Protein backbone atom coordinates (compact mmCIF):
# COMPACT_ATOMS: atom_id res chain seq x y z
CA MET A 1 -26.81 17.13 16.96
CA ARG A 2 -26.48 15.86 13.48
CA LYS A 3 -24.90 12.69 13.00
CA GLY A 4 -23.87 11.68 9.46
CA VAL A 5 -21.66 9.30 7.29
CA LEU A 6 -18.87 11.57 5.77
CA PRO A 7 -16.45 11.22 8.26
CA SER A 8 -16.28 7.42 8.53
CA VAL A 9 -16.85 6.50 5.07
CA LEU A 10 -15.12 9.69 3.23
CA CYS A 11 -11.95 8.75 5.44
CA THR A 12 -12.20 5.33 4.28
CA ILE A 13 -12.15 6.57 0.72
CA LEU A 14 -8.96 8.45 1.39
CA ILE A 15 -7.48 5.28 3.12
CA LEU A 16 -8.04 3.53 0.02
CA LEU A 17 -5.57 5.87 -1.71
CA MET A 18 -3.18 6.39 1.12
CA GLY A 19 -0.76 3.85 0.22
CA LEU A 20 0.19 5.69 -2.94
CA SER A 21 -0.11 9.13 -1.91
CA SER A 22 3.62 9.23 -0.79
CA GLU A 23 4.65 7.77 -4.00
CA ALA A 24 2.35 9.78 -6.42
CA LEU A 25 3.92 13.11 -4.74
CA ALA A 26 7.47 11.90 -5.16
CA GLN A 27 6.89 11.10 -8.98
CA GLN A 28 5.06 14.67 -9.41
CA GLY A 29 7.45 16.81 -7.48
CA GLY A 30 11.09 16.71 -6.29
CA LYS A 31 12.45 19.02 -8.83
CA ILE A 32 14.24 21.31 -6.25
CA THR A 33 16.82 19.48 -4.09
CA VAL A 34 19.69 20.48 -1.79
CA GLY A 35 21.69 17.46 -1.36
CA LYS A 36 19.69 14.55 -0.11
CA LEU A 37 16.92 16.98 0.50
CA LYS A 38 13.95 17.45 -1.66
CA VAL A 39 11.79 20.68 -1.38
CA ILE A 40 8.32 19.91 -3.15
CA PRO A 41 5.93 23.11 -3.47
CA SER A 42 2.68 22.56 -4.29
CA LEU A 43 -0.57 24.90 -4.89
CA GLY A 44 -3.92 23.70 -5.73
CA VAL A 45 -7.47 25.37 -6.70
CA GLN A 46 -10.99 23.90 -6.62
CA GLU A 47 -14.45 24.93 -7.48
CA VAL A 48 -17.22 23.11 -5.89
CA TYR A 49 -20.87 23.09 -6.32
CA ASP A 50 -22.79 21.45 -3.21
CA ASP A 51 -26.39 21.00 -3.56
CA ASN A 52 -26.39 20.58 0.39
CA ILE A 53 -24.10 22.20 2.21
CA PHE A 54 -25.76 21.83 5.87
CA LEU A 55 -26.41 18.28 5.12
CA GLY A 56 -29.94 18.70 6.27
CA ASN A 57 -33.15 16.93 5.02
CA GLY A 58 -35.32 19.94 4.19
CA THR A 59 -37.01 20.02 7.35
CA ASN A 60 -38.13 23.12 9.21
CA ASN A 61 -35.43 22.96 11.87
CA LEU A 62 -32.81 25.18 11.07
CA THR A 63 -29.76 22.66 11.50
CA GLU A 64 -31.64 20.23 8.89
CA ARG A 65 -31.97 22.98 6.38
CA LYS A 66 -31.04 22.40 2.76
CA GLU A 67 -29.29 24.88 0.97
CA SER A 68 -26.81 24.54 -2.06
CA ASP A 69 -23.68 27.05 -2.67
CA TRP A 70 -20.61 27.45 -4.76
CA ILE A 71 -17.32 26.82 -2.86
CA PHE A 72 -13.77 28.12 -3.91
CA HIS A 73 -10.77 26.27 -2.27
CA ALA A 74 -7.10 27.42 -2.21
CA MET A 75 -4.96 24.81 -0.86
CA PRO A 76 -1.25 25.70 -0.48
CA GLY A 77 1.38 22.80 0.50
CA LEU A 78 4.86 22.10 1.27
CA LEU A 79 7.02 19.20 1.74
CA LEU A 80 10.68 18.52 2.61
CA ASP A 81 11.79 15.22 2.09
CA TYR A 82 15.39 14.27 3.31
CA ALA A 83 16.82 10.79 2.41
CA ILE A 84 18.87 9.11 4.97
CA ASP A 85 21.40 6.93 2.89
CA GLY A 86 19.10 4.36 1.88
CA ARG A 87 18.04 3.51 5.29
CA GLY A 88 15.15 5.64 5.43
CA SER A 89 13.80 9.36 5.30
CA VAL A 90 12.63 12.40 7.52
CA LYS A 91 9.54 14.09 6.19
CA LEU A 92 8.34 17.87 7.44
CA GLY A 93 5.11 19.23 5.63
CA TYR A 94 2.42 21.36 5.68
CA SER A 95 -0.88 21.54 3.74
CA GLY A 96 -3.72 24.05 3.85
CA ASP A 97 -7.39 24.34 2.94
CA TYR A 98 -9.00 27.68 2.38
CA ALA A 99 -13.03 27.53 1.76
CA TYR A 100 -14.69 30.69 0.38
CA TYR A 101 -18.67 30.20 -0.22
CA ASN A 102 -20.19 32.20 -2.80
CA ASP A 103 -23.52 32.86 -1.10
CA PHE A 104 -23.05 31.57 2.68
CA GLU A 105 -19.91 33.81 3.60
CA ASP A 106 -20.46 33.22 7.15
CA ASN A 107 -19.45 29.63 6.62
CA ASP A 108 -15.84 30.48 5.24
CA TRP A 109 -13.54 28.07 6.96
CA LYS A 110 -9.74 27.43 6.98
CA SER A 111 -7.87 23.92 7.79
CA HIS A 112 -3.93 23.80 8.30
CA THR A 113 -2.36 20.41 8.80
CA GLY A 114 1.27 19.82 9.90
CA LEU A 115 3.05 16.70 9.21
CA PHE A 116 6.17 15.03 10.57
CA GLY A 117 7.51 11.74 9.70
CA LEU A 118 10.66 9.62 10.61
CA ASP A 119 11.33 5.99 9.04
CA TYR A 120 14.70 4.26 9.90
CA GLN A 121 16.10 1.01 9.69
CA ALA A 122 20.01 0.40 10.71
CA PRO A 123 21.77 -2.49 9.11
CA ALA A 124 22.38 -4.00 12.46
CA GLY A 125 18.36 -4.52 12.74
CA LEU A 126 17.33 -1.15 14.69
CA ILE A 127 13.76 0.15 13.58
CA VAL A 128 12.44 3.43 14.37
CA GLY A 129 9.39 5.22 13.30
CA VAL A 130 7.66 8.35 14.01
CA ASN A 131 4.51 10.07 12.58
CA ASN A 132 2.60 12.83 13.96
CA THR A 133 -0.27 14.77 12.54
CA TYR A 134 -1.49 17.90 13.62
CA ILE A 135 -4.57 19.37 12.33
CA ASP A 136 -6.28 23.34 13.24
CA THR A 137 -9.74 23.37 11.38
CA ALA A 138 -13.18 24.76 11.28
CA ASP A 139 -14.11 22.52 8.40
CA PRO A 140 -17.73 21.18 8.53
CA PHE A 141 -16.62 17.46 8.33
CA GLY A 142 -17.04 16.34 11.87
CA SER A 143 -14.61 14.16 13.73
CA ASP A 144 -14.61 10.48 13.77
CA ASN A 145 -17.71 10.31 15.89
CA GLN A 146 -19.66 12.57 13.46
CA TYR A 147 -20.15 15.36 16.00
CA ASN A 148 -21.37 18.52 14.35
CA LEU A 149 -21.39 17.22 10.99
CA GLY A 150 -22.51 19.87 8.35
CA ILE A 151 -21.36 22.64 10.79
CA GLN A 152 -18.34 24.68 10.76
CA THR A 153 -16.68 23.85 14.45
CA GLU A 154 -13.55 25.24 15.42
CA ARG A 155 -10.98 22.47 16.99
CA TRP A 156 -7.68 21.27 16.66
CA SER A 157 -5.92 17.44 16.95
CA ASP A 158 -2.84 15.83 17.32
CA ARG A 159 -2.23 12.16 16.59
CA LEU A 160 1.10 10.52 17.42
CA GLY A 161 2.07 7.09 16.09
CA THR A 162 5.66 5.59 17.10
CA LYS A 163 7.27 2.15 17.03
CA LEU A 164 10.62 1.06 18.25
CA GLY A 165 11.78 -2.61 17.43
CA TRP A 166 14.50 -4.92 16.30
CA LYS A 167 14.75 -7.17 13.08
CA PHE A 168 16.39 -10.31 13.32
CA GLY A 169 18.08 -11.21 10.19
CA ASP A 170 15.48 -11.30 7.26
CA ARG A 171 12.89 -13.31 9.15
CA PHE A 172 11.64 -11.64 12.37
CA LYS A 173 10.67 -8.45 13.81
CA VAL A 174 9.73 -7.52 17.30
CA LEU A 175 8.18 -4.10 17.97
CA GLY A 176 6.99 -1.94 20.54
CA TYR A 177 4.05 0.92 20.09
CA TYR A 178 3.22 4.11 21.71
CA ASN A 179 0.39 6.43 20.14
CA TYR A 180 -1.11 9.43 21.41
CA TYR A 181 -4.41 11.35 20.13
CA LYS A 182 -5.83 14.58 21.71
CA GLN A 183 -8.45 16.88 20.40
CA ASN A 184 -9.69 20.17 21.92
CA TYR A 185 -12.70 22.16 20.64
CA LYS A 186 -12.18 26.15 20.89
CA LEU A 187 -15.70 26.64 22.23
CA GLU A 188 -17.26 25.55 25.89
CA THR A 189 -20.39 24.37 24.22
CA ASP A 190 -18.10 21.68 22.73
CA TYR A 191 -16.99 20.51 25.98
CA SER A 192 -18.24 16.98 25.60
CA GLN A 193 -15.66 16.25 22.83
CA ASP A 194 -12.30 17.22 24.48
CA TYR A 195 -10.18 13.96 25.25
CA ASP A 196 -7.03 12.57 25.19
CA ALA A 197 -5.96 9.11 24.51
CA ASP A 198 -2.84 6.84 24.59
CA GLU A 199 -1.93 3.34 24.06
CA ALA A 200 1.31 1.05 24.12
CA GLY A 201 1.62 -2.12 22.46
CA LEU A 202 3.87 -4.86 21.46
CA GLY A 203 3.75 -6.94 18.13
CA PHE A 204 5.97 -9.74 16.30
CA GLU A 205 6.57 -10.18 12.68
CA MET A 206 7.58 -13.10 10.49
CA LYS A 207 8.53 -13.01 6.75
CA VAL A 208 6.23 -15.62 4.95
CA LEU A 209 6.64 -14.65 1.41
CA PRO A 210 9.75 -12.78 0.07
CA LYS A 211 8.06 -9.41 0.66
CA THR A 212 5.06 -10.68 2.88
CA TRP A 213 5.07 -10.17 6.63
CA ALA A 214 2.74 -11.89 9.13
CA PHE A 215 1.83 -9.97 12.40
CA VAL A 216 0.04 -10.18 15.82
CA ARG A 217 0.17 -7.11 18.16
CA TYR A 218 -1.53 -6.57 21.44
CA TYR A 219 -2.35 -2.93 22.85
CA HIS A 220 -3.79 -1.44 26.17
CA GLY A 221 -5.03 2.12 26.11
CA ALA A 222 -7.38 4.79 27.85
CA ARG A 223 -9.49 7.82 26.82
CA ASP A 224 -9.70 10.69 29.34
CA TYR A 225 -12.37 13.68 28.70
CA PHE A 226 -10.73 16.54 30.35
CA THR A 227 -13.16 19.32 30.02
CA HIS A 228 -16.32 19.82 32.49
CA PRO A 229 -17.73 22.94 32.51
CA ALA A 230 -19.66 24.08 35.88
CA GLY A 231 -23.40 23.57 35.58
CA THR A 232 -23.20 20.77 33.19
CA GLY A 233 -23.38 18.17 35.48
CA VAL A 234 -20.46 16.09 34.30
CA ASN A 235 -17.21 15.64 36.11
CA ASP A 236 -14.44 12.95 36.58
CA SER A 237 -17.07 10.57 38.46
CA ASN A 238 -19.59 10.20 35.69
CA ASP A 239 -18.21 11.02 32.53
CA ALA A 240 -17.38 8.58 29.58
CA ASP A 241 -13.58 7.81 30.20
CA PHE A 242 -12.74 4.21 29.40
CA ASP A 243 -10.13 1.62 28.96
CA TRP A 244 -9.68 -0.88 26.26
CA ASP A 245 -7.57 -3.99 25.40
CA ARG A 246 -6.95 -4.93 21.62
CA ALA A 247 -5.46 -8.15 20.12
CA GLU A 248 -4.96 -7.91 16.30
CA ALA A 249 -3.18 -10.04 13.60
CA GLY A 250 -2.70 -9.58 9.83
CA LEU A 251 -0.29 -8.99 6.93
CA THR A 252 1.94 -6.17 5.92
CA TRP A 253 4.19 -5.83 3.00
CA ASP A 254 7.57 -4.34 2.06
CA SER A 255 8.04 -1.25 -0.09
CA GLY A 256 8.14 -2.28 -3.75
CA ALA A 257 5.68 -5.15 -3.53
CA LYS A 258 2.46 -5.21 -5.36
CA LEU A 259 0.52 -4.96 -2.50
CA ILE A 260 0.44 -1.80 -0.36
CA GLY A 261 -1.11 -1.30 2.77
CA GLU A 262 -2.04 -3.92 5.56
CA VAL A 263 -4.74 -6.52 6.39
CA ASN A 264 -5.87 -6.02 10.12
CA PHE A 265 -8.42 -7.81 12.12
CA GLY A 266 -8.87 -8.12 16.02
CA TYR A 267 -10.56 -7.98 18.85
CA GLN A 268 -11.20 -4.96 21.59
CA TRP A 269 -12.56 -5.47 24.95
CA LYS A 270 -13.66 -1.86 26.73
CA SER A 271 -14.67 -0.89 29.97
CA TYR A 272 -15.90 2.20 31.40
CA ASP A 273 -14.31 3.99 34.56
CA ASN A 274 -17.61 5.03 35.81
CA THR A 275 -20.80 3.20 36.75
CA LEU A 276 -23.35 5.73 35.60
CA ASP A 277 -23.55 8.58 33.23
CA PRO A 278 -24.52 12.27 34.21
CA THR A 279 -28.23 11.23 33.47
CA GLY A 280 -27.76 8.05 35.87
CA LYS A 281 -27.81 5.78 32.88
CA PRO A 282 -25.54 2.93 33.24
CA TYR A 283 -22.46 2.75 30.96
CA ASP A 284 -22.41 -0.59 29.20
CA GLY A 285 -18.83 -2.02 28.18
CA ARG A 286 -18.35 -3.36 24.61
CA ASP A 287 -16.48 -6.48 23.41
CA THR A 288 -16.37 -6.77 19.67
CA TRP A 289 -14.38 -7.57 16.50
CA VAL A 290 -12.39 -4.54 14.97
CA ALA A 291 -10.88 -3.85 11.90
CA ALA A 292 -8.26 -1.49 10.26
CA THR A 293 -7.49 -2.92 6.79
CA SER A 294 -6.46 -1.05 3.54
CA VAL A 295 -4.82 -2.68 0.71
CA SER A 296 -4.02 -1.30 -2.85
CA TYR A 297 -2.86 -3.84 -5.30
CA LEU A 298 -0.90 -2.96 -8.25
CA ALA A 299 -2.35 -5.03 -10.63
CA THR A 300 -0.41 -3.50 -13.78
CA THR A 301 1.58 -0.30 -14.39
CA THR A 302 -1.58 1.46 -15.32
CA THR A 303 -4.24 -0.35 -13.22
CA THR A 304 -4.42 -0.15 -9.15
CA LEU A 305 -7.29 -1.74 -7.22
CA THR A 306 -8.06 -0.58 -3.87
CA MET A 307 -9.91 -2.26 -0.91
CA SER A 308 -10.75 -1.03 2.83
CA LEU A 309 -12.60 -2.24 5.87
CA ALA A 310 -12.77 -0.84 8.85
CA ARG A 311 -14.65 -1.21 12.28
CA ALA A 312 -14.63 0.59 15.60
CA VAL A 313 -16.73 1.31 18.42
CA ARG A 314 -17.29 5.02 18.55
CA ASP A 315 -18.45 7.30 21.86
CA THR A 316 -20.52 10.23 20.97
CA GLY A 317 -19.36 12.46 23.97
CA SER A 318 -18.24 12.38 27.31
CA ASN A 319 -21.82 13.26 28.62
CA SER A 320 -23.74 10.27 27.59
CA ASN A 321 -23.48 6.52 27.53
CA GLU A 322 -24.44 6.47 23.95
CA TYR A 323 -22.01 4.72 21.36
CA TYR A 324 -22.36 3.23 17.97
CA ASP A 325 -20.67 0.15 16.09
CA ASP A 326 -19.10 1.76 12.85
CA THR A 327 -18.59 -0.71 10.07
CA THR A 328 -17.46 0.39 6.58
CA ILE A 329 -16.23 -1.08 3.26
CA GLY A 330 -14.63 0.42 0.22
CA LEU A 331 -13.75 -0.42 -3.07
CA GLY A 332 -11.78 1.41 -5.78
CA LEU A 333 -9.92 1.58 -9.21
CA ILE A 334 -7.16 3.89 -10.28
CA GLN A 335 -6.75 3.74 -14.00
CA THR A 336 -4.29 5.43 -16.20
CA LEU A 337 -5.88 6.14 -19.88
CA PHE A 338 -3.92 7.44 -23.03
CA THR A 339 -0.90 8.01 -20.56
CA LYS A 340 -1.87 11.37 -19.29
CA PHE A 341 -5.54 10.66 -18.00
CA THR A 342 -6.25 9.04 -14.78
CA LEU A 343 -9.53 7.75 -13.87
CA THR A 344 -10.35 7.28 -10.02
CA VAL A 345 -13.64 5.64 -8.83
CA THR A 346 -14.52 4.72 -5.34
CA GLY A 347 -17.53 3.47 -3.38
CA ALA A 348 -18.12 2.97 0.13
CA TYR A 349 -20.89 1.39 2.30
CA GLY A 350 -20.97 2.10 5.93
CA MET A 351 -23.40 0.94 8.97
CA ASN A 352 -23.90 2.67 12.14
CA GLU A 353 -25.59 0.38 14.86
CA TYR A 354 -26.40 2.61 17.98
CA ASN A 355 -26.85 1.29 21.66
CA LEU A 356 -29.84 3.80 22.13
CA PRO A 357 -32.51 4.18 22.46
CA VAL A 358 -33.14 1.09 23.94
CA VAL A 359 -36.48 0.52 22.13
CA ASN A 360 -36.19 0.86 18.46
CA GLU A 361 -32.39 1.28 18.22
CA LYS A 362 -31.11 3.59 15.62
CA ASP A 363 -29.50 2.18 12.74
CA GLN A 364 -27.98 4.04 9.77
CA ASP A 365 -27.02 2.64 6.10
CA ASN A 366 -24.40 5.15 4.63
CA TYR A 367 -23.09 5.27 1.07
CA LEU A 368 -20.57 7.28 -0.71
CA ALA A 369 -19.34 7.18 -4.46
CA THR A 370 -16.96 9.16 -6.16
CA VAL A 371 -15.55 9.55 -9.98
CA ASN A 372 -12.59 11.67 -10.73
CA LEU A 373 -11.03 12.27 -13.98
CA ASP A 374 -7.38 13.95 -13.88
CA TYR A 375 -5.36 15.10 -16.84
CA GLN A 376 -1.77 15.56 -16.70
CA ILE A 377 -1.08 19.06 -18.52
CA ARG A 378 2.64 19.06 -17.50
CA ASP A 379 4.62 16.85 -15.26
CA TRP A 380 4.04 19.06 -12.60
CA LEU A 381 0.41 20.18 -13.43
CA THR A 382 -2.96 18.31 -13.15
CA ALA A 383 -6.45 19.60 -14.02
CA GLY A 384 -9.41 17.29 -13.11
CA VAL A 385 -13.06 17.00 -12.68
CA GLY A 386 -14.97 15.05 -10.34
CA TYR A 387 -18.27 14.05 -8.65
CA LEU A 388 -19.28 12.74 -5.15
CA TYR A 389 -22.55 11.06 -3.93
CA ASN A 390 -23.27 10.99 -0.35
CA ARG A 391 -26.36 9.64 1.06
CA LYS A 392 -27.72 8.32 4.86
CA ASP A 393 -30.84 6.42 5.42
CA SER A 394 -32.00 5.93 9.13
CA ASN A 395 -34.96 4.65 10.79
CA TYR A 396 -34.72 8.18 12.25
CA ALA A 397 -36.21 10.30 9.33
CA GLU A 398 -34.59 13.64 10.97
CA ASP A 399 -31.10 12.20 10.30
CA GLU A 400 -31.53 11.24 6.57
CA TYR A 401 -29.85 13.48 3.60
CA ARG A 402 -28.77 13.27 0.24
CA ASN A 403 -25.76 15.18 -1.11
CA ASN A 404 -24.24 15.88 -4.71
CA ARG A 405 -20.97 17.77 -5.37
CA PHE A 406 -19.51 18.43 -8.76
CA MET A 407 -15.98 19.61 -8.69
CA MET A 408 -13.07 21.20 -10.96
CA SER A 409 -9.59 21.46 -9.91
CA LEU A 410 -6.23 22.57 -11.04
CA ARG A 411 -2.96 21.36 -8.71
CA ALA A 412 0.34 22.29 -9.55
CA VAL A 413 3.09 20.17 -7.59
CA TYR A 414 6.92 21.11 -8.32
């Protein structure tokens, strides 16, 4: 199994820009309206040269081979955005990614993402939020724990986040949360990655500046691995099911503030349901600090600075007591040049510290950098060029790799 940096560090890079994504889409699209409903279609095409499509290091092992290829991406999308009389909105969307390899045609893959969002706040104080993302994919970018990174793997996942609360005047908010996540791999050989998890929580927010809120939250959750094929030796009495409690605190901002996103730090207590894994090795509960911080600062009308810090404990699967601490920090700049050009520069460093092996524990240093230059041909049409550098250093040589990607793209959002 190849373990790499791409999911954790690349996700951090993407999180850097998430706070601006809906706003940017609204600026570029929305020409088609039906009353309060905006219909925003989009279509992107991209040509990528990838010098290491399997994220290998050139060893003789087939899964570690280093190969290059040209990859063509077609990316259709559709967003329906309905405004609720100044109280919020309802969004429903789809985005696809169809990847076609020039030489390694067997690696072609498709990814489909469905989105639903509800954001509502009544004048009397009621707050309702629902966000759901469903992904059906066979991409080679791995899951949160980097499983099968570099290998096309069919799977689907569904992530639901909800909140229900009340705003008291202009100073306080009380919120309840319920979050659910499920992922299911298509092949029985990937059984160790099939699980669902849910958590419930309570939060309190207080306004400390005109558009700034301080918060505290507490969650309790559980993960259940639900696939146990006969003959694997894995069952409900020895799999890696676990519970957790998490307390967190930080700052968040109202829409329209110069800061977008959330500063979020916390502490998590994690305990396993079972004592021993399928090989008889003991499970080791992990109590540690965690973070989910992502902030964009609108320094000027043409300059945005971004920062992200994420830390989590990730299990490698249901059939082992192995886990690792995943800590990643990212920085970025979005700069408008000469009105029609936008330069985006991002960088991230991630560190993975494994609990196994007991002697000479595995440590990995991960680096990612991207540079993109977009040109606004029309208000609905953008062309771009980009470069991505991805590197892993490890005290286990078989895990190391280098990856360079060069990209040209054209995107229309109407």
